[in-house]
Amino acid sequence: MQRTISVMVGKGSVNHNSRIFHAENTDPERLHLNVVYYNTPIKEVYRELFDDAVKRYNENQTRNDRCIDNYYEKIRSGKQEKPFHEIILQIGNRDDMNAKTAGGEHAAKILDEYLKSFQGRNPYLKVFSAHLHMDEATPHLHIDFIPFTTGSKRGLDTRVSLKQALAAQGFKGGSRQETEWNQWVYSEKQQLAAVMERHGVEWEQKGTHKEHLTVLDYKKEQRSQEIEELEDKLADKKLEFNTVAKRITNLDKADESIENISQKVYHEPEYQLPEPPAIMSAKSYKTKFAEPLIKRLKALIKSILVKYFAARDDYERLNQTNGRLYKDNERLRNSNEKLSVENTRLKDENKDYLFCKDILLYDLSVVFQPNALTKEM
């Protein structure tokens, strides 16, 4: 039995890989068949890999503006290196290795065995996310990793570098076609082919397949970079939304509304970027998917702002009313204190009057007793 091997550059959507949201091409009823091998937050892995190096680097700096506060954000916002890379591996296609058939289960076992030796074989490619998907047409494996190098003489002694990471594993750049990346991808295909052979499957290499795939990988990498830029813009819009959301949460009865909107943004299909079709250009992807999504997010943000300022007006009016009530309360409290003092004074005077009244009544009673005059006479 012969089957092809496909290795593609993924766009690195960890939320999609871990199925925080579902695309249209997934089958939720087969979700339980997916396998999660790694799912560590990337920022946590960055701290593990680079915190000590950042500390050593900062200690040697004489100017504060050259110190690094957050290495992940420095790489994410820079242009020299990507924060991480992703490859997608697939055996055969939907016709000969369909996920719902015995062939698909066979492919899953092969990919499972291949993945378990990946990290040991690639010590300078730190895997933080790896998922086997069985809920799509053909089983395939997503591997997300951070390439790094150690012992660097410039900058951080341990830093992000795809070129140096692959060089440390023995892949030296040659011609334009034989880059470190292409050499490494071909090597991984051979590793996967060896696992396939142990399971009775031969690697089918079609004529100029290797040369064609090299060009395809290059185009996909270029498209991946353009899509990443679009995702950065989308992330900025989501950040803008989150900023507005945080400002609204202080208003009464806003928590539930913000939670509903947040769930809508992060989970509903209409606010997610779908997987790019294999033959679609970045420009078409931008026009068909990215720009409409950004327009929907802008509309959502606009509606939130309208509601926010309306709520803010209500809040200000309530504050003014509360201020007036506070002043009224202070005035009443002061009046009450004055009345209390006056009441205490009147009580004391009343006691004096009562005492005088008792004495006066006693004297009158003695003077006007019936037998008082007779006794005196």
Protein backbone atom coordinates (compact mmCIF):
# COMPACT_ATOMS: atom_id res chain seq x y z
CA MET A 1 0.00 0.00 0.00
CA GLN A 2 1.38 3.40 -1.02
CA ARG A 3 0.39 6.78 0.37
CA THR A 4 1.62 10.33 -0.12
CA ILE A 5 3.02 12.55 2.64
CA SER A 6 1.97 16.19 2.96
CA VAL A 7 3.85 18.65 5.18
CA MET A 8 2.41 22.16 5.19
CA VAL A 9 3.22 25.40 6.97
CA GLY A 10 0.39 26.09 9.38
CA LYS A 11 -0.82 29.53 10.35
CA GLY A 12 -0.51 28.63 14.03
CA SER A 13 -4.05 29.13 15.30
CA VAL A 14 -3.78 27.50 18.72
CA ASN A 15 -7.44 28.25 19.50
CA HIS A 16 -8.47 26.38 16.36
CA ASN A 17 -6.11 23.49 17.05
CA SER A 18 -7.40 23.06 20.61
CA ARG A 19 -10.99 23.47 19.35
CA ILE A 20 -11.87 26.48 21.48
CA PHE A 21 -13.99 27.28 18.45
CA HIS A 22 -15.12 25.03 15.60
CA ALA A 23 -14.69 25.73 11.90
CA GLU A 24 -17.26 24.71 9.30
CA ASN A 25 -15.13 21.78 8.13
CA THR A 26 -15.10 20.03 11.53
CA ASP A 27 -17.50 17.39 12.82
CA PRO A 28 -18.36 18.06 16.51
CA GLU A 29 -19.59 14.46 16.90
CA ARG A 30 -16.01 13.24 16.28
CA LEU A 31 -14.38 15.76 18.61
CA HIS A 32 -13.74 13.10 21.27
CA LEU A 33 -11.45 11.25 18.83
CA ASN A 34 -8.96 14.13 18.71
CA VAL A 35 -5.73 13.75 20.69
CA VAL A 36 -3.98 16.52 22.65
CA TYR A 37 -0.26 15.83 23.15
CA TYR A 38 0.90 19.30 24.22
CA ASN A 39 -1.16 22.35 25.15
CA THR A 40 1.01 24.69 27.23
CA PRO A 41 0.44 28.48 27.05
CA ILE A 42 3.17 29.96 24.86
CA LYS A 43 4.00 32.75 27.32
CA GLU A 44 4.66 30.14 30.00
CA VAL A 45 7.09 28.31 27.69
CA TYR A 46 8.81 31.60 26.82
CA ARG A 47 9.39 32.25 30.52
CA GLU A 48 10.80 28.75 30.94
CA LEU A 49 13.15 29.05 27.96
CA PHE A 50 14.32 32.65 28.13
CA ASP A 51 13.77 34.26 31.57
CA ASP A 52 17.27 33.41 32.84
CA ALA A 53 18.86 34.67 29.62
CA VAL A 54 16.83 37.91 29.80
CA LYS A 55 17.97 38.41 33.39
CA ARG A 56 21.63 37.93 32.44
CA TYR A 57 21.22 40.28 29.48
CA ASN A 58 19.56 43.03 31.53
CA GLU A 59 22.22 42.85 34.24
CA ASN A 60 24.85 43.78 31.65
CA GLN A 61 22.98 46.82 30.33
CA THR A 62 24.01 50.33 31.38
CA ARG A 63 20.91 51.97 29.92
CA ASN A 64 17.39 51.14 31.06
CA ASP A 65 15.94 51.65 27.58
CA ARG A 66 17.98 48.69 26.34
CA CYS A 67 16.60 46.29 28.93
CA ILE A 68 13.98 43.74 27.91
CA ASP A 69 10.77 43.74 29.94
CA ASN A 70 8.86 41.07 28.03
CA TYR A 71 10.77 38.90 25.56
CA TYR A 72 7.63 37.33 24.09
CA GLU A 73 6.15 40.73 23.23
CA LYS A 74 9.49 41.86 21.83
CA ILE A 75 9.55 38.91 19.40
CA ARG A 76 5.82 39.13 18.62
CA SER A 77 6.02 42.80 17.68
CA GLY A 78 9.37 42.50 15.88
CA LYS A 79 10.05 41.63 12.26
CA GLN A 80 13.12 39.39 12.44
CA GLU A 81 11.64 36.24 14.00
CA LYS A 82 8.21 34.71 14.42
CA PRO A 83 7.18 33.82 18.00
CA PHE A 84 6.61 30.22 16.88
CA HIS A 85 6.20 28.00 13.82
CA GLU A 86 3.70 25.32 12.91
CA ILE A 87 3.79 22.34 10.57
CA ILE A 88 0.84 20.18 9.57
CA LEU A 89 1.49 16.56 8.57
CA GLN A 90 -0.93 14.34 6.70
CA ILE A 91 -0.76 10.87 5.18
CA GLY A 92 -2.76 10.29 2.00
CA ASN A 93 -5.96 12.18 1.33
CA ARG A 94 -9.68 12.10 2.05
CA ASP A 95 -10.19 9.40 -0.60
CA ASP A 96 -7.64 6.82 0.57
CA MET A 97 -7.20 7.78 4.27
CA ASN A 98 -10.59 9.20 5.22
CA ALA A 99 -10.93 9.82 8.96
CA LYS A 100 -14.15 7.78 9.11
CA THR A 101 -12.56 4.63 7.63
CA ALA A 102 -10.08 1.99 8.77
CA GLY A 103 -7.49 3.79 6.62
CA GLY A 104 -7.97 6.93 8.70
CA GLU A 105 -7.46 4.99 11.93
CA HIS A 106 -4.31 3.48 10.41
CA ALA A 107 -3.00 6.97 9.56
CA ALA A 108 -3.76 8.14 13.10
CA LYS A 109 -1.62 5.37 14.62
CA ILE A 110 1.29 6.27 12.34
CA LEU A 111 1.06 9.98 13.16
CA ASP A 112 0.83 9.14 16.87
CA GLU A 113 4.06 7.13 16.76
CA TYR A 114 5.81 9.81 14.71
CA LEU A 115 4.85 12.60 17.13
CA LYS A 116 6.12 10.75 20.20
CA SER A 117 9.69 10.86 18.86
CA PHE A 118 9.51 14.41 17.45
CA GLN A 119 10.72 16.37 20.49
CA GLY A 120 13.65 14.03 21.18
CA ARG A 121 14.74 14.32 17.55
CA ASN A 122 14.37 18.12 17.54
CA PRO A 123 15.83 19.38 20.85
CA TYR A 124 16.05 23.00 19.63
CA LEU A 125 12.41 23.14 18.53
CA LYS A 126 10.45 23.42 21.78
CA VAL A 127 6.96 21.98 21.24
CA PHE A 128 4.22 23.71 23.23
CA SER A 129 1.14 22.66 21.24
CA ALA A 130 0.48 19.43 19.34
CA HIS A 131 -2.93 18.06 18.30
CA LEU A 132 -4.08 15.12 16.20
CA HIS A 133 -7.35 15.99 14.46
CA MET A 134 -9.79 13.21 13.66
CA ASP A 135 -12.85 15.46 13.31
CA GLU A 136 -11.98 16.61 9.77
CA ALA A 137 -11.98 14.74 6.46
CA THR A 138 -8.42 13.37 6.76
CA PRO A 139 -6.41 12.74 9.96
CA HIS A 140 -3.62 15.26 10.34
CA LEU A 141 -1.18 16.46 12.97
CA HIS A 142 -0.56 20.08 14.05
CA ILE A 143 2.81 20.71 15.74
CA ASP A 144 3.58 24.19 17.10
CA PHE A 145 7.13 24.86 18.30
CA ILE A 146 9.49 27.66 19.38
CA PRO A 147 12.91 27.47 17.66
CA PHE A 148 15.78 28.60 19.88
CA THR A 149 19.55 28.70 20.01
CA THR A 150 21.97 28.71 22.95
CA GLY A 151 25.44 30.14 23.42
CA SER A 152 24.81 33.18 21.25
CA LYS A 153 27.55 35.83 21.33
CA ARG A 154 25.20 38.69 20.49
CA GLY A 155 22.11 39.79 22.40
CA LEU A 156 20.54 37.11 24.60
CA ASP A 157 22.73 34.01 24.94
CA THR A 158 19.55 31.94 24.57
CA ARG A 159 17.18 33.43 22.03
CA VAL A 160 14.62 32.72 19.32
CA SER A 161 16.17 31.76 15.97
CA LEU A 162 14.82 29.32 13.41
CA LYS A 163 17.97 29.40 11.28
CA GLN A 164 20.32 28.76 14.22
CA ALA A 165 18.03 26.13 15.77
CA LEU A 166 18.02 24.10 12.54
CA ALA A 167 21.77 24.65 12.11
CA ALA A 168 22.33 23.22 15.60
CA GLN A 169 20.46 20.12 14.44
CA GLY A 170 22.70 19.74 11.39
CA PHE A 171 20.76 21.55 8.66
CA LYS A 172 23.00 24.06 6.87
CA GLY A 173 21.62 26.38 4.19
CA GLY A 174 22.68 25.70 0.60
CA SER A 175 20.96 26.83 -2.59
CA ARG A 176 17.76 28.83 -2.66
CA GLN A 177 15.78 25.59 -2.85
CA GLU A 178 17.89 23.77 -0.26
CA THR A 179 17.31 26.12 2.67
CA GLU A 180 17.61 24.92 6.27
CA TRP A 181 13.82 24.77 6.45
CA ASN A 182 13.37 22.71 3.27
CA GLN A 183 16.14 20.31 4.31
CA TRP A 184 14.56 19.85 7.71
CA VAL A 185 11.06 19.32 6.27
CA TYR A 186 12.37 16.66 3.90
CA SER A 187 14.18 14.98 6.79
CA GLU A 188 10.95 14.89 8.79
CA LYS A 189 9.18 13.34 5.81
CA GLN A 190 11.79 10.60 5.81
CA GLN A 191 11.22 10.06 9.53
CA LEU A 192 7.47 9.79 8.93
CA ALA A 193 8.07 7.47 5.96
CA ALA A 194 10.13 5.17 8.22
CA VAL A 195 7.22 4.95 10.67
CA MET A 196 4.82 4.29 7.78
CA GLU A 197 7.03 1.46 6.55
CA ARG A 198 6.88 -0.21 9.97
CA HIS A 199 3.10 -0.12 9.61
CA GLY A 200 3.12 -1.57 6.12
CA VAL A 201 2.66 1.68 4.20
CA GLU A 202 5.12 2.85 1.53
CA TRP A 203 5.82 6.52 0.85
CA GLU A 204 4.45 7.40 -2.60
CA GLN A 205 6.63 10.11 -4.19
CA LYS A 206 5.08 11.37 -7.39
CA GLY A 207 7.68 12.47 -9.97
CA THR A 208 8.53 16.10 -9.22
CA HIS A 209 6.63 15.98 -5.95
CA LYS A 210 9.60 17.13 -3.87
CA GLU A 211 10.39 20.11 -6.11
CA HIS A 212 6.72 21.10 -6.35
CA LEU A 213 6.25 20.84 -2.60
CA THR A 214 9.29 23.05 -2.00
CA VAL A 215 7.73 25.82 -4.07
CA LEU A 216 4.35 25.19 -2.43
CA ASP A 217 5.92 25.41 1.04
CA TYR A 218 7.56 28.71 0.10
CA LYS A 219 4.27 30.15 -1.17
CA LYS A 220 2.44 28.92 1.90
CA GLU A 221 5.07 30.46 4.15
CA GLN A 222 4.70 33.79 2.38
CA ARG A 223 0.93 33.57 2.65
CA SER A 224 1.26 32.56 6.30
CA GLN A 225 3.23 35.73 7.01
CA GLU A 226 0.59 37.88 5.31
CA ILE A 227 -2.18 36.11 7.23
CA GLU A 228 -0.24 36.62 10.45
CA GLU A 229 -0.20 40.37 9.77
CA LEU A 230 -3.96 40.28 9.25
CA GLU A 231 -4.34 38.37 12.50
CA ASP A 232 -2.27 41.03 14.27
CA LYS A 233 -4.75 43.63 13.04
CA LEU A 234 -7.57 41.41 14.20
CA ALA A 235 -5.86 41.02 17.58
CA ASP A 236 -5.63 44.82 17.84
CA LYS A 237 -9.37 45.05 17.20
CA LYS A 238 -10.05 42.40 19.83
CA LEU A 239 -7.78 44.30 22.22
CA GLU A 240 -9.75 47.47 21.49
CA PHE A 241 -12.92 45.56 22.21
CA ASN A 242 -11.51 44.17 25.47
CA THR A 243 -10.45 47.67 26.55
CA VAL A 244 -13.97 48.96 26.03
CA ALA A 245 -15.37 45.91 27.79
CA LYS A 246 -13.18 46.48 30.85
CA ARG A 247 -14.37 50.10 31.09
CA ILE A 248 -18.00 49.00 31.02
CA THR A 249 -17.64 46.28 33.66
CA ASN A 250 -17.67 48.93 36.42
CA LEU A 251 -21.23 49.92 35.53
CA ASP A 252 -24.17 48.22 37.21
CA LYS A 253 -25.57 45.14 35.45
CA ALA A 254 -22.82 45.19 32.75
CA ASP A 255 -20.97 42.01 33.76
CA GLU A 256 -23.43 39.59 32.20
CA SER A 257 -23.65 41.62 28.99
CA ILE A 258 -19.85 41.78 28.60
CA GLU A 259 -19.53 38.04 29.22
CA ASN A 260 -22.10 37.32 26.52
CA ILE A 261 -20.29 39.59 24.05
CA SER A 262 -16.91 38.06 24.96
CA GLN A 263 -18.24 34.54 24.39
CA LYS A 264 -19.71 35.71 21.09
CA VAL A 265 -16.38 37.17 19.88
CA TYR A 266 -14.26 34.20 20.90
CA HIS A 267 -16.59 31.31 20.08
CA GLU A 268 -19.19 32.12 17.42
CA PRO A 269 -18.08 31.20 13.88
CA GLU A 270 -18.96 34.61 12.43
CA TYR A 271 -16.16 36.20 14.49
CA GLN A 272 -13.42 33.65 13.72
CA LEU A 273 -10.92 33.47 10.87
CA PRO A 274 -11.43 30.16 9.04
CA GLU A 275 -8.63 27.93 7.81
CA PRO A 276 -7.28 29.31 4.50
CA PRO A 277 -8.13 27.09 1.52
CA ALA A 278 -5.01 25.49 0.05
CA ILE A 279 -5.21 27.23 -3.32
CA MET A 280 -6.45 30.64 -2.20
CA SER A 281 -4.06 33.63 -2.37
CA ALA A 282 -3.43 35.88 0.61
CA LYS A 283 -5.13 38.78 -1.22
CA SER A 284 -8.26 36.71 -1.82
CA TYR A 285 -8.20 35.45 1.75
CA LYS A 286 -7.91 39.02 2.99
CA THR A 287 -10.81 40.22 0.79
CA LYS A 288 -13.10 37.26 1.40
CA PHE A 289 -12.48 36.48 5.05
CA ALA A 290 -10.25 38.88 7.00
CA GLU A 291 -11.71 42.24 5.93
CA PRO A 292 -15.39 41.22 6.41
CA LEU A 293 -14.48 39.92 9.88
CA ILE A 294 -12.74 43.17 10.79
CA LYS A 295 -15.83 45.11 9.56
CA ARG A 296 -18.07 42.95 11.77
CA LEU A 297 -15.80 43.58 14.76
CA LYS A 298 -15.78 47.32 14.04
CA ALA A 299 -19.59 47.32 13.93
CA LEU A 300 -19.68 45.40 17.20
CA ILE A 301 -17.23 47.82 18.83
CA LYS A 302 -19.29 50.79 17.57
CA SER A 303 -22.48 49.35 19.09
CA ILE A 304 -20.63 48.73 22.35
CA LEU A 305 -19.37 52.31 22.41
CA VAL A 306 -22.90 53.66 21.84
CA LYS A 307 -24.22 51.52 24.70
CA TYR A 308 -21.23 52.46 26.82
CA PHE A 309 -21.72 56.22 26.47
CA ALA A 310 -25.45 55.84 27.08
CA ALA A 311 -24.69 53.88 30.21
CA ARG A 312 -22.07 56.47 31.12
CA ASP A 313 -24.68 59.23 30.88
CA ASP A 314 -27.00 57.24 33.13
CA TYR A 315 -24.12 56.69 35.50
CA GLU A 316 -23.32 60.43 35.60
CA ARG A 317 -26.98 61.28 36.21
CA LEU A 318 -27.10 58.75 39.03
CA ASN A 319 -23.94 60.26 40.44
CA GLN A 320 -25.51 63.74 40.36
CA THR A 321 -28.68 62.46 42.00
CA ASN A 322 -26.63 60.66 44.58
CA GLY A 323 -24.67 63.87 45.21
CA ARG A 324 -27.85 65.81 45.80
CA LEU A 325 -29.16 63.11 48.13
CA TYR A 326 -25.88 63.16 49.98
CA LYS A 327 -26.07 66.93 50.46
CA ASP A 328 -29.72 66.67 51.57
CA ASN A 329 -28.74 63.98 54.01
CA GLU A 330 -25.92 66.14 55.39
CA ARG A 331 -28.32 69.07 55.78
CA LEU A 332 -30.88 66.88 57.56
CA ARG A 333 -28.18 65.41 59.78
CA ASN A 334 -27.01 68.87 60.81
CA SER A 335 -30.59 69.94 61.48
CA ASN A 336 -31.13 66.81 63.51
CA GLU A 337 -28.07 67.56 65.63
CA LYS A 338 -29.34 71.09 66.30
CA LEU A 339 -32.78 69.76 67.21
CA SER A 340 -31.21 67.17 69.50
CA VAL A 341 -29.30 69.91 71.35
CA GLU A 342 -32.47 72.02 71.57
CA ASN A 343 -34.44 69.04 72.79
CA THR A 344 -31.91 68.33 75.53
CA ARG A 345 -32.07 71.99 76.67
CA LEU A 346 -35.88 71.94 76.74
CA LYS A 347 -35.87 68.69 78.71
CA ASP A 348 -33.64 70.33 81.35
CA GLU A 349 -35.90 73.40 81.49
CA ASN A 350 -38.94 71.19 81.73
CA LYS A 351 -37.45 69.43 84.75
CA ASP A 352 -36.96 72.81 86.44
CA TYR A 353 -40.55 73.80 85.69
CA LEU A 354 -41.84 70.53 87.06
CA PHE A 355 -39.79 70.97 90.21
CA CYS A 356 -41.12 74.52 90.71
CA LYS A 357 -44.64 73.32 90.01
CA ASP A 358 -44.36 70.63 92.69
CA ILE A 359 -43.13 73.15 95.28
CA LEU A 360 -45.84 75.66 94.39
CA LEU A 361 -48.61 73.06 94.61
CA TYR A 362 -47.31 71.88 97.96
CA ASP A 363 -47.30 75.39 99.42
CA LEU A 364 -50.80 76.08 98.15
CA SER A 365 -52.07 72.86 99.58
CA VAL A 366 -50.77 73.81 103.03
CA VAL A 367 -52.17 77.32 102.92
CA PHE A 368 -55.63 76.27 101.83
CA GLN A 369 -56.12 73.19 104.06
CA PRO A 370 -59.62 73.36 105.79
CA ASN A 371 -58.37 72.90 109.37
CA ALA A 372 -55.26 74.98 109.03
CA LEU A 373 -56.82 78.23 110.44
CA THR A 374 -58.82 76.48 113.22
CA LYS A 375 -55.70 74.86 114.58
CA GLU A 376 -53.89 78.16 114.67
CA MET A 377 -56.73 79.83 116.58
